[in-house]
């Protein structure tokens, strides 16, 4: 199996991370093309990072501006030519033999896509957004927990485009990978979540309450819009994640007198409902 890795990047502080990623791909020893979609105005930045790898890796450097994650990935997808497509972040990297193992798994099992576990790049522990611990079939209902962009690998024959309303830079700045996977399943693709295969990613922790609250506020709008778009498939999940879970969090933390958490759950509730109500096709 061969691989097209579509890496959308933005920010001039990613040199160490991108270099680490390219080294991790080099160590995979598989047929791979790396399609870097550069959203920076500095044209030389990515070129200079990739230059030492030019004779060792097949790197395609594209530009996309203004920054929009889903738009950038769609530009990269249009150039993808290999058997399997993946969407690494510009700060993740691959564990030993990951691509070989993913290729073998897809080839031997007859599945069309696989999601693996995302783990802390320092201690190897599962990251909060990769909560599932058991191997399982990926369905409409568990996509919300089974998928992250960096852990998704699918056959190119299922040509799906990202909805550019979702993702950073879009109207609803999150959930683009969930929406994308729903489209994969609708197209007939069969998927598996496999926690024994792993992608490493930094576990960025910020304890500033206002920063945490603002990030949740932004992302939760995307969550609400995602459930509204797919309400016919996900209405039970929508009721739980949009109403029951945040209201439950408010009640429990009010009883415990944990006012900051009460504030967080109120933000989740309000922002998810805002995204749900305001979503337009």
C-alpha atoms as a PDB file:
ATOM      1  CA  UNK A   1       0.000   0.000   0.000  1.00  0.00           C
ATOM      2  CA  UNK A   2       1.166   3.529  -0.840  1.00  0.00           C
ATOM      3  CA  UNK A   3       0.301   6.714   1.053  1.00  0.00           C
ATOM      4  CA  UNK A   4      -0.622  10.334   0.366  1.00  0.00           C
ATOM      5  CA  UNK A   5      -0.154  12.419   3.512  1.00  0.00           C
ATOM      6  CA  UNK A   6      -1.997  15.749   3.294  1.00  0.00           C
ATOM      7  CA  UNK A   7      -0.442  18.093   5.840  1.00  0.00           C
ATOM      8  CA  UNK A   8      -1.999  21.561   6.152  1.00  0.00           C
ATOM      9  CA  UNK A   9       0.248  23.941   8.088  1.00  0.00           C
ATOM     10  CA  UNK A  10      -0.030  27.451   9.458  1.00  0.00           C
ATOM     11  CA  UNK A  11       2.278  29.407  11.757  1.00  0.00           C
ATOM     12  CA  UNK A  12       5.980  30.149  11.729  1.00  0.00           C
ATOM     13  CA  UNK A  13       6.719  28.258  14.962  1.00  0.00           C
ATOM     14  CA  UNK A  14       6.411  24.741  13.525  1.00  0.00           C
ATOM     15  CA  UNK A  15       9.932  24.075  12.222  1.00  0.00           C
ATOM     16  CA  UNK A  16      10.906  21.610  14.967  1.00  0.00           C
ATOM     17  CA  UNK A  17       7.588  19.761  14.705  1.00  0.00           C
ATOM     18  CA  UNK A  18       7.524  19.504  10.907  1.00  0.00           C
ATOM     19  CA  UNK A  19      11.140  18.345  10.853  1.00  0.00           C
ATOM     20  CA  UNK A  20      10.292  15.689  13.437  1.00  0.00           C
ATOM     21  CA  UNK A  21       7.318  14.560  11.373  1.00  0.00           C
ATOM     22  CA  UNK A  22       9.358  14.287   8.175  1.00  0.00           C
ATOM     23  CA  UNK A  23      11.981  12.225   9.993  1.00  0.00           C
ATOM     24  CA  UNK A  24       9.270   9.912  11.308  1.00  0.00           C
ATOM     25  CA  UNK A  25       7.942   9.413   7.763  1.00  0.00           C
ATOM     26  CA  UNK A  26      11.443   8.793   6.434  1.00  0.00           C
ATOM     27  CA  UNK A  27      11.836   5.987   8.966  1.00  0.00           C
ATOM     28  CA  UNK A  28       8.611   4.281   7.771  1.00  0.00           C
ATOM     29  CA  UNK A  29      10.255   2.948   4.600  1.00  0.00           C
ATOM     30  CA  UNK A  30       7.065   2.871   2.526  1.00  0.00           C
ATOM     31  CA  UNK A  31       6.047   4.497  -0.764  1.00  0.00           C
ATOM     32  CA  UNK A  32       4.715   7.869   0.328  1.00  0.00           C
ATOM     33  CA  UNK A  33       4.063  11.360  -0.986  1.00  0.00           C
ATOM     34  CA  UNK A  34       3.809  14.243   1.476  1.00  0.00           C
ATOM     35  CA  UNK A  35       1.543  17.035   0.266  1.00  0.00           C
ATOM     36  CA  UNK A  36       2.260  20.092   2.408  1.00  0.00           C
ATOM     37  CA  UNK A  37      -0.384  22.784   1.998  1.00  0.00           C
ATOM     38  CA  UNK A  38       1.253  25.944   3.275  1.00  0.00           C
ATOM     39  CA  UNK A  39      -1.093  28.648   4.574  1.00  0.00           C
ATOM     40  CA  UNK A  40       1.683  31.098   5.537  1.00  0.00           C
ATOM     41  CA  UNK A  41       2.457  34.267   3.593  1.00  0.00           C
ATOM     42  CA  UNK A  42       6.194  33.558   3.973  1.00  0.00           C
ATOM     43  CA  UNK A  43       6.809  31.446   0.878  1.00  0.00           C
ATOM     44  CA  UNK A  44      10.323  30.413   1.890  1.00  0.00           C
ATOM     45  CA  UNK A  45       9.479  29.050   5.362  1.00  0.00           C
ATOM     46  CA  UNK A  46       8.254  25.566   4.399  1.00  0.00           C
ATOM     47  CA  UNK A  47      10.663  25.364   1.468  1.00  0.00           C
ATOM     48  CA  UNK A  48      13.619  25.803   3.822  1.00  0.00           C
ATOM     49  CA  UNK A  49      12.313  23.151   6.247  1.00  0.00           C
ATOM     50  CA  UNK A  50      11.815  20.607   3.454  1.00  0.00           C
ATOM     51  CA  UNK A  51      15.037  21.254   1.556  1.00  0.00           C
ATOM     52  CA  UNK A  52      17.191  18.727   3.517  1.00  0.00           C
ATOM     53  CA  UNK A  53      14.607  16.004   2.719  1.00  0.00           C
ATOM     54  CA  UNK A  54      14.192  16.683  -1.013  1.00  0.00           C
ATOM     55  CA  UNK A  55      16.345  13.756  -2.153  1.00  0.00           C
ATOM     56  CA  UNK A  56      14.839  11.350   0.391  1.00  0.00           C
ATOM     57  CA  UNK A  57      11.108  12.087   0.378  1.00  0.00           C
ATOM     58  CA  UNK A  58       8.553  12.933  -2.290  1.00  0.00           C
ATOM     59  CA  UNK A  59       7.345  16.312  -1.019  1.00  0.00           C
ATOM     60  CA  UNK A  60       4.766  18.395  -2.877  1.00  0.00           C
ATOM     61  CA  UNK A  61       4.598  21.993  -1.607  1.00  0.00           C
ATOM     62  CA  UNK A  62       1.318  23.824  -2.303  1.00  0.00           C
ATOM     63  CA  UNK A  63       0.024  27.219  -1.165  1.00  0.00           C
ATOM     64  CA  UNK A  64      -3.373  28.190   0.237  1.00  0.00           C
ATOM     65  CA  UNK A  65      -4.400  31.598   1.567  1.00  0.00           C
ATOM     66  CA  UNK A  66      -6.195  32.936   3.571  1.00  0.00           C
ATOM     67  CA  UNK A  67      -5.892  30.218   6.229  1.00  0.00           C
ATOM     68  CA  UNK A  68      -8.741  27.699   6.232  1.00  0.00           C
ATOM     69  CA  UNK A  69      -8.005  24.158   7.363  1.00  0.00           C
ATOM     70  CA  UNK A  70     -10.672  22.351   5.338  1.00  0.00           C
ATOM     71  CA  UNK A  71      -9.979  24.397   2.203  1.00  0.00           C
ATOM     72  CA  UNK A  72      -6.250  23.632   2.512  1.00  0.00           C
ATOM     73  CA  UNK A  73      -6.928  19.914   2.906  1.00  0.00           C
ATOM     74  CA  UNK A  74      -9.205  19.926  -0.136  1.00  0.00           C
ATOM     75  CA  UNK A  75      -6.410  21.504  -2.171  1.00  0.00           C
ATOM     76  CA  UNK A  76      -4.092  18.735  -0.994  1.00  0.00           C
ATOM     77  CA  UNK A  77      -6.678  16.029  -1.672  1.00  0.00           C
ATOM     78  CA  UNK A  78      -6.925  17.120  -5.298  1.00  0.00           C
ATOM     79  CA  UNK A  79      -3.220  16.262  -5.730  1.00  0.00           C
ATOM     80  CA  UNK A  80      -3.258  12.942  -3.834  1.00  0.00           C
ATOM     81  CA  UNK A  81      -2.309   9.973  -6.031  1.00  0.00           C
ATOM     82  CA  UNK A  82      -1.548   7.050  -3.695  1.00  0.00           C
ATOM     83  CA  UNK A  83      -3.647   4.183  -2.308  1.00  0.00           C
ATOM     84  CA  UNK A  84      -4.297   5.542   1.183  1.00  0.00           C
ATOM     85  CA  UNK A  85      -4.884   9.131   2.312  1.00  0.00           C
ATOM     86  CA  UNK A  86      -4.126  10.564   5.752  1.00  0.00           C
ATOM     87  CA  UNK A  87      -4.220  14.015   7.380  1.00  0.00           C
ATOM     88  CA  UNK A  88      -1.299  14.524   9.775  1.00  0.00           C
ATOM     89  CA  UNK A  89      -1.098  17.744  11.783  1.00  0.00           C
ATOM     90  CA  UNK A  90       1.995  19.876  11.497  1.00  0.00           C
ATOM     91  CA  UNK A  91       2.941  18.963  15.081  1.00  0.00           C
ATOM     92  CA  UNK A  92       2.273  15.209  15.194  1.00  0.00           C
ATOM     93  CA  UNK A  93       4.553  12.330  14.198  1.00  0.00           C
ATOM     94  CA  UNK A  94       4.247   8.639  13.412  1.00  0.00           C
ATOM     95  CA  UNK A  95       5.304   5.737  15.620  1.00  0.00           C
ATOM     96  CA  UNK A  96       7.635   3.044  14.270  1.00  0.00           C
ATOM     97  CA  UNK A  97       6.187   1.051  11.335  1.00  0.00           C
ATOM     98  CA  UNK A  98       2.794   2.788  11.660  1.00  0.00           C
ATOM     99  CA  UNK A  99       2.237   3.221   7.910  1.00  0.00           C
ATOM    100  CA  UNK A 100       3.360  -0.313   7.118  1.00  0.00           C
ATOM    101  CA  UNK A 101       1.010  -1.675   9.789  1.00  0.00           C
ATOM    102  CA  UNK A 102      -1.899   0.486   8.614  1.00  0.00           C
ATOM    103  CA  UNK A 103      -1.334  -0.615   5.020  1.00  0.00           C
ATOM    104  CA  UNK A 104      -1.188  -4.286   5.989  1.00  0.00           C
ATOM    105  CA  UNK A 105      -4.294  -3.962   8.146  1.00  0.00           C
ATOM    106  CA  UNK A 106      -6.344  -2.346   5.398  1.00  0.00           C
ATOM    107  CA  UNK A 107      -5.056  -4.754   2.765  1.00  0.00           C
ATOM    108  CA  UNK A 108      -5.641  -7.921   4.791  1.00  0.00           C
ATOM    109  CA  UNK A 109      -8.892  -7.051   6.574  1.00  0.00           C
ATOM    110  CA  UNK A 110     -10.942  -5.747   3.683  1.00  0.00           C
ATOM    111  CA  UNK A 111     -11.843  -2.541   5.499  1.00  0.00           C
ATOM    112  CA  UNK A 112     -11.763   0.839   3.781  1.00  0.00           C
ATOM    113  CA  UNK A 113     -10.582   3.107   6.589  1.00  0.00           C
ATOM    114  CA  UNK A 114      -8.976   2.873   9.985  1.00  0.00           C
ATOM    115  CA  UNK A 115      -8.625   5.240  12.926  1.00  0.00           C
ATOM    116  CA  UNK A 116      -5.815   4.681  15.403  1.00  0.00           C
ATOM    117  CA  UNK A 117      -5.139   6.068  18.869  1.00  0.00           C
ATOM    118  CA  UNK A 118      -3.620   9.512  19.505  1.00  0.00           C
ATOM    119  CA  UNK A 119      -1.122   9.490  22.372  1.00  0.00           C
ATOM    120  CA  UNK A 120       1.021  11.994  24.251  1.00  0.00           C
ATOM    121  CA  UNK A 121       4.348  12.427  22.482  1.00  0.00           C
ATOM    122  CA  UNK A 122       6.224  12.412  25.796  1.00  0.00           C
ATOM    123  CA  UNK A 123       4.636   9.699  27.952  1.00  0.00           C
ATOM    124  CA  UNK A 124       2.656   7.672  25.404  1.00  0.00           C
ATOM    125  CA  UNK A 125      -0.619   8.000  27.312  1.00  0.00           C
ATOM    126  CA  UNK A 126      -3.902   8.352  25.364  1.00  0.00           C
ATOM    127  CA  UNK A 127      -4.870  11.956  24.703  1.00  0.00           C
ATOM    128  CA  UNK A 128      -8.268  13.241  25.958  1.00  0.00           C
ATOM    129  CA  UNK A 129      -9.711  13.407  22.436  1.00  0.00           C
ATOM    130  CA  UNK A 130      -8.843   9.737  21.784  1.00  0.00           C
ATOM    131  CA  UNK A 131     -10.899   8.139  24.585  1.00  0.00           C
ATOM    132  CA  UNK A 132     -11.784   4.705  23.188  1.00  0.00           C
ATOM    133  CA  UNK A 133      -9.716   1.785  24.502  1.00  0.00           C
ATOM    134  CA  UNK A 134     -11.193  -1.184  22.613  1.00  0.00           C
ATOM    135  CA  UNK A 135     -11.090  -2.150  18.960  1.00  0.00           C
ATOM    136  CA  UNK A 136     -14.487  -1.579  17.360  1.00  0.00           C
ATOM    137  CA  UNK A 137     -16.346  -0.924  14.143  1.00  0.00           C
ATOM    138  CA  UNK A 138     -16.695   2.777  13.333  1.00  0.00           C
ATOM    139  CA  UNK A 139     -20.323   3.835  12.981  1.00  0.00           C
ATOM    140  CA  UNK A 140     -22.239   7.083  12.734  1.00  0.00           C
ATOM    141  CA  UNK A 141     -22.774   6.977  16.494  1.00  0.00           C
ATOM    142  CA  UNK A 142     -19.161   6.520  17.685  1.00  0.00           C
ATOM    143  CA  UNK A 143     -17.463   8.745  15.089  1.00  0.00           C
ATOM    144  CA  UNK A 144     -17.453  11.537  17.688  1.00  0.00           C
ATOM    145  CA  UNK A 145     -15.089   9.476  19.868  1.00  0.00           C
ATOM    146  CA  UNK A 146     -13.298   7.252  17.357  1.00  0.00           C
ATOM    147  CA  UNK A 147     -11.972   9.858  14.928  1.00  0.00           C
ATOM    148  CA  UNK A 148      -9.372  12.586  15.030  1.00  0.00           C
ATOM    149  CA  UNK A 149      -7.868  14.041  11.856  1.00  0.00           C
ATOM    150  CA  UNK A 150      -4.368  12.778  12.595  1.00  0.00           C
ATOM    151  CA  UNK A 151      -5.489   9.201  13.247  1.00  0.00           C
ATOM    152  CA  UNK A 152      -7.650   8.685  10.138  1.00  0.00           C
ATOM    153  CA  UNK A 153      -6.397   6.664   7.134  1.00  0.00           C
ATOM    154  CA  UNK A 154      -8.704   5.776   4.228  1.00  0.00           C
ATOM    155  CA  UNK A 155      -8.595   4.333   0.724  1.00  0.00           C
ATOM    156  CA  UNK A 156      -8.320   7.041  -1.929  1.00  0.00           C
ATOM    157  CA  UNK A 157     -11.040   5.405  -4.018  1.00  0.00           C
ATOM    158  CA  UNK A 158     -13.515   7.001  -1.603  1.00  0.00           C
ATOM    159  CA  UNK A 159     -12.949  10.542  -2.818  1.00  0.00           C
ATOM    160  CA  UNK A 160     -14.518  12.786  -0.193  1.00  0.00           C
ATOM    161  CA  UNK A 161     -14.070  16.541   0.210  1.00  0.00           C
ATOM    162  CA  UNK A 162     -14.115  18.436   3.487  1.00  0.00           C
ATOM    163  CA  UNK A 163     -17.075  20.722   4.087  1.00  0.00           C
ATOM    164  CA  UNK A 164     -15.278  24.067   4.170  1.00  0.00           C
ATOM    165  CA  UNK A 165     -17.841  25.498   6.576  1.00  0.00           C
ATOM    166  CA  UNK A 166     -16.236  23.308   9.264  1.00  0.00           C
ATOM    167  CA  UNK A 167     -12.715  23.476  10.708  1.00  0.00           C
ATOM    168  CA  UNK A 168     -10.417  26.327  11.704  1.00  0.00           C
ATOM    169  CA  UNK A 169     -11.015  29.265   9.378  1.00  0.00           C
ATOM    170  CA  UNK A 170     -14.577  28.154   8.577  1.00  0.00           C
ATOM    171  CA  UNK A 171     -17.943  29.278   9.922  1.00  0.00           C
ATOM    172  CA  UNK A 172     -17.932  26.411  12.444  1.00  0.00           C
ATOM    173  CA  UNK A 173     -14.298  25.993  13.566  1.00  0.00           C
ATOM    174  CA  UNK A 174     -14.238  22.318  14.610  1.00  0.00           C
ATOM    175  CA  UNK A 175     -15.683  18.856  13.836  1.00  0.00           C
ATOM    176  CA  UNK A 176     -14.492  18.778  10.223  1.00  0.00           C
ATOM    177  CA  UNK A 177     -13.048  15.278  10.692  1.00  0.00           C
ATOM    178  CA  UNK A 178     -16.316  13.921  12.133  1.00  0.00           C
ATOM    179  CA  UNK A 179     -18.280  15.390   9.237  1.00  0.00           C
ATOM    180  CA  UNK A 180     -15.754  13.966   6.759  1.00  0.00           C
ATOM    181  CA  UNK A 181     -16.040  10.483   8.286  1.00  0.00           C
ATOM    182  CA  UNK A 182     -19.836  10.601   8.145  1.00  0.00           C
ATOM    183  CA  UNK A 183     -19.451  11.209   4.394  1.00  0.00           C
ATOM    184  CA  UNK A 184     -17.073   8.250   4.135  1.00  0.00           C
ATOM    185  CA  UNK A 185     -19.570   5.926   5.793  1.00  0.00           C
ATOM    186  CA  UNK A 186     -22.408   7.274   3.629  1.00  0.00           C
ATOM    187  CA  UNK A 187     -20.285   6.413   0.584  1.00  0.00           C
ATOM    188  CA  UNK A 188     -20.164   2.788   1.681  1.00  0.00           C
ATOM    189  CA  UNK A 189     -16.770   2.769   3.369  1.00  0.00           C
ATOM    190  CA  UNK A 190     -16.297   0.334   6.251  1.00  0.00           C
ATOM    191  CA  UNK A 191     -14.033   1.395   9.105  1.00  0.00           C
ATOM    192  CA  UNK A 192     -12.332   0.078  12.226  1.00  0.00           C
ATOM    193  CA  UNK A 193     -10.950   1.819  15.304  1.00  0.00           C
ATOM    194  CA  UNK A 194      -7.664   0.153  16.296  1.00  0.00           C
ATOM    195  CA  UNK A 195      -6.099   1.432  19.562  1.00  0.00           C
ATOM    196  CA  UNK A 196      -3.010  -0.762  19.243  1.00  0.00           C
ATOM    197  CA  UNK A 197      -1.707   1.497  16.456  1.00  0.00           C
ATOM    198  CA  UNK A 198      -0.711   5.007  17.508  1.00  0.00           C
ATOM    199  CA  UNK A 199       0.094   8.543  16.344  1.00  0.00           C
ATOM    200  CA  UNK A 200       1.997  10.814  18.717  1.00  0.00           C
ATOM    201  CA  UNK A 201       1.007  14.424  19.361  1.00  0.00           C
ATOM    202  CA  UNK A 202       1.946  17.044  21.961  1.00  0.00           C
ATOM    203  CA  UNK A 203      -0.478  17.328  24.861  1.00  0.00           C
ATOM    204  CA  UNK A 204      -0.763  21.091  25.003  1.00  0.00           C
ATOM    205  CA  UNK A 205      -1.976  22.015  28.478  1.00  0.00           C
ATOM    206  CA  UNK A 206      -2.929  25.570  29.390  1.00  0.00           C
ATOM    207  CA  UNK A 207      -4.264  26.243  32.870  1.00  0.00           C
ATOM    208  CA  UNK A 208      -5.433  29.802  32.147  1.00  0.00           C
ATOM    209  CA  UNK A 209      -9.183  29.678  32.772  1.00  0.00           C
ATOM    210  CA  UNK A 210     -10.105  32.366  30.262  1.00  0.00           C
ATOM    211  CA  UNK A 211      -8.065  30.755  27.480  1.00  0.00           C
ATOM    212  CA  UNK A 212      -9.677  27.364  28.183  1.00  0.00           C
ATOM    213  CA  UNK A 213     -13.140  28.927  28.222  1.00  0.00           C
ATOM    214  CA  UNK A 214     -12.580  30.807  24.949  1.00  0.00           C
ATOM    215  CA  UNK A 215     -11.302  27.674  23.199  1.00  0.00           C
ATOM    216  CA  UNK A 216     -14.296  25.658  24.391  1.00  0.00           C
ATOM    217  CA  UNK A 217     -16.652  28.444  23.294  1.00  0.00           C
ATOM    218  CA  UNK A 218     -15.220  28.408  19.768  1.00  0.00           C
ATOM    219  CA  UNK A 219     -15.098  24.632  19.352  1.00  0.00           C
ATOM    220  CA  UNK A 220     -18.532  24.028  20.836  1.00  0.00           C
ATOM    221  CA  UNK A 221     -20.188  26.087  18.105  1.00  0.00           C
ATOM    222  CA  UNK A 222     -18.799  23.546  15.642  1.00  0.00           C
ATOM    223  CA  UNK A 223     -20.154  20.669  17.736  1.00  0.00           C
ATOM    224  CA  UNK A 224     -23.654  22.120  17.617  1.00  0.00           C
ATOM    225  CA  UNK A 225     -23.490  22.696  13.868  1.00  0.00           C
ATOM    226  CA  UNK A 226     -22.195  19.154  13.280  1.00  0.00           C
ATOM    227  CA  UNK A 227     -25.118  17.586  15.111  1.00  0.00           C
ATOM    228  CA  UNK A 228     -27.592  19.868  13.307  1.00  0.00           C
ATOM    229  CA  UNK A 229     -26.177  18.903   9.894  1.00  0.00           C
ATOM    230  CA  UNK A 230     -26.509  15.191  10.679  1.00  0.00           C
ATOM    231  CA  UNK A 231     -29.542  15.346  12.976  1.00  0.00           C
ATOM    232  CA  UNK A 232     -31.394  12.568  11.118  1.00  0.00           C
ATOM    233  CA  UNK A 233     -28.522  10.174  11.879  1.00  0.00           C
ATOM    234  CA  UNK A 234     -27.411  11.497  15.250  1.00  0.00           C
ATOM    235  CA  UNK A 235     -30.500  12.765  17.047  1.00  0.00           C
ATOM    236  CA  UNK A 236     -29.937  10.624  20.153  1.00  0.00           C
ATOM    237  CA  UNK A 237     -26.303  11.745  20.387  1.00  0.00           C
ATOM    238  CA  UNK A 238     -27.384  15.322  19.752  1.00  0.00           C
ATOM    239  CA  UNK A 239     -29.795  15.264  22.697  1.00  0.00           C
ATOM    240  CA  UNK A 240     -27.095  13.850  24.949  1.00  0.00           C
ATOM    241  CA  UNK A 241     -24.141  16.041  23.931  1.00  0.00           C
ATOM    242  CA  UNK A 242     -26.059  19.272  23.368  1.00  0.00           C
ATOM    243  CA  UNK A 243     -28.388  19.157  26.370  1.00  0.00           C
ATOM    244  CA  UNK A 244     -28.052  16.286  28.857  1.00  0.00           C
ATOM    245  CA  UNK A 245     -24.263  16.257  29.283  1.00  0.00           C
ATOM    246  CA  UNK A 246     -23.753  20.022  29.764  1.00  0.00           C
ATOM    247  CA  UNK A 247     -26.815  20.441  32.011  1.00  0.00           C
ATOM    248  CA  UNK A 248     -25.674  17.440  34.047  1.00  0.00           C
ATOM    249  CA  UNK A 249     -22.254  19.064  34.404  1.00  0.00           C
ATOM    250  CA  UNK A 250     -23.833  22.313  35.586  1.00  0.00           C
ATOM    251  CA  UNK A 251     -25.951  20.536  38.218  1.00  0.00           C
ATOM    252  CA  UNK A 252     -23.189  18.271  39.556  1.00  0.00           C
ATOM    253  CA  UNK A 253     -20.610  21.047  39.838  1.00  0.00           C
ATOM    254  CA  UNK A 254     -23.125  23.430  41.410  1.00  0.00           C
ATOM    255  CA  UNK A 255     -23.701  20.847  44.151  1.00  0.00           C
ATOM    256  CA  UNK A 256     -19.912  20.497  44.539  1.00  0.00           C
ATOM    257  CA  UNK A 257     -19.513  24.317  44.570  1.00  0.00           C
ATOM    258  CA  UNK A 258     -17.033  24.112  41.672  1.00  0.00           C
ATOM    259  CA  UNK A 259     -17.983  27.404  40.082  1.00  0.00           C
ATOM    260  CA  UNK A 260     -15.348  27.474  37.354  1.00  0.00           C
ATOM    261  CA  UNK A 261     -16.565  24.128  36.054  1.00  0.00           C
ATOM    262  CA  UNK A 262     -20.141  25.384  36.252  1.00  0.00           C
ATOM    263  CA  UNK A 263     -19.051  28.301  34.083  1.00  0.00           C
ATOM    264  CA  UNK A 264     -17.364  25.932  31.604  1.00  0.00           C
ATOM    265  CA  UNK A 265     -20.465  23.743  31.264  1.00  0.00           C
ATOM    266  CA  UNK A 266     -22.661  26.812  30.788  1.00  0.00           C
ATOM    267  CA  UNK A 267     -20.331  27.896  27.977  1.00  0.00           C
ATOM    268  CA  UNK A 268     -20.549  24.433  26.397  1.00  0.00           C
ATOM    269  CA  UNK A 269     -24.343  24.439  26.608  1.00  0.00           C
ATOM    270  CA  UNK A 270     -24.769  27.937  25.190  1.00  0.00           C
ATOM    271  CA  UNK A 271     -22.200  27.533  22.403  1.00  0.00           C
ATOM    272  CA  UNK A 272     -23.401  24.100  21.256  1.00  0.00           C
ATOM    273  CA  UNK A 273     -26.997  25.325  21.122  1.00  0.00           C
ATOM    274  CA  UNK A 274     -25.846  28.441  19.249  1.00  0.00           C
ATOM    275  CA  UNK A 275     -24.095  26.305  16.625  1.00  0.00           C
ATOM    276  CA  UNK A 276     -27.112  24.022  16.350  1.00  0.00           C
ATOM    277  CA  UNK A 277     -29.584  26.881  15.919  1.00  0.00           C
ATOM    278  CA  UNK A 278     -27.440  28.967  13.565  1.00  0.00           C
ATOM    279  CA  UNK A 279     -26.269  26.164  11.244  1.00  0.00           C
ATOM    280  CA  UNK A 280     -27.168  26.651   7.606  1.00  0.00           C
ATOM    281  CA  UNK A 281     -26.481  24.248   4.720  1.00  0.00           C
END
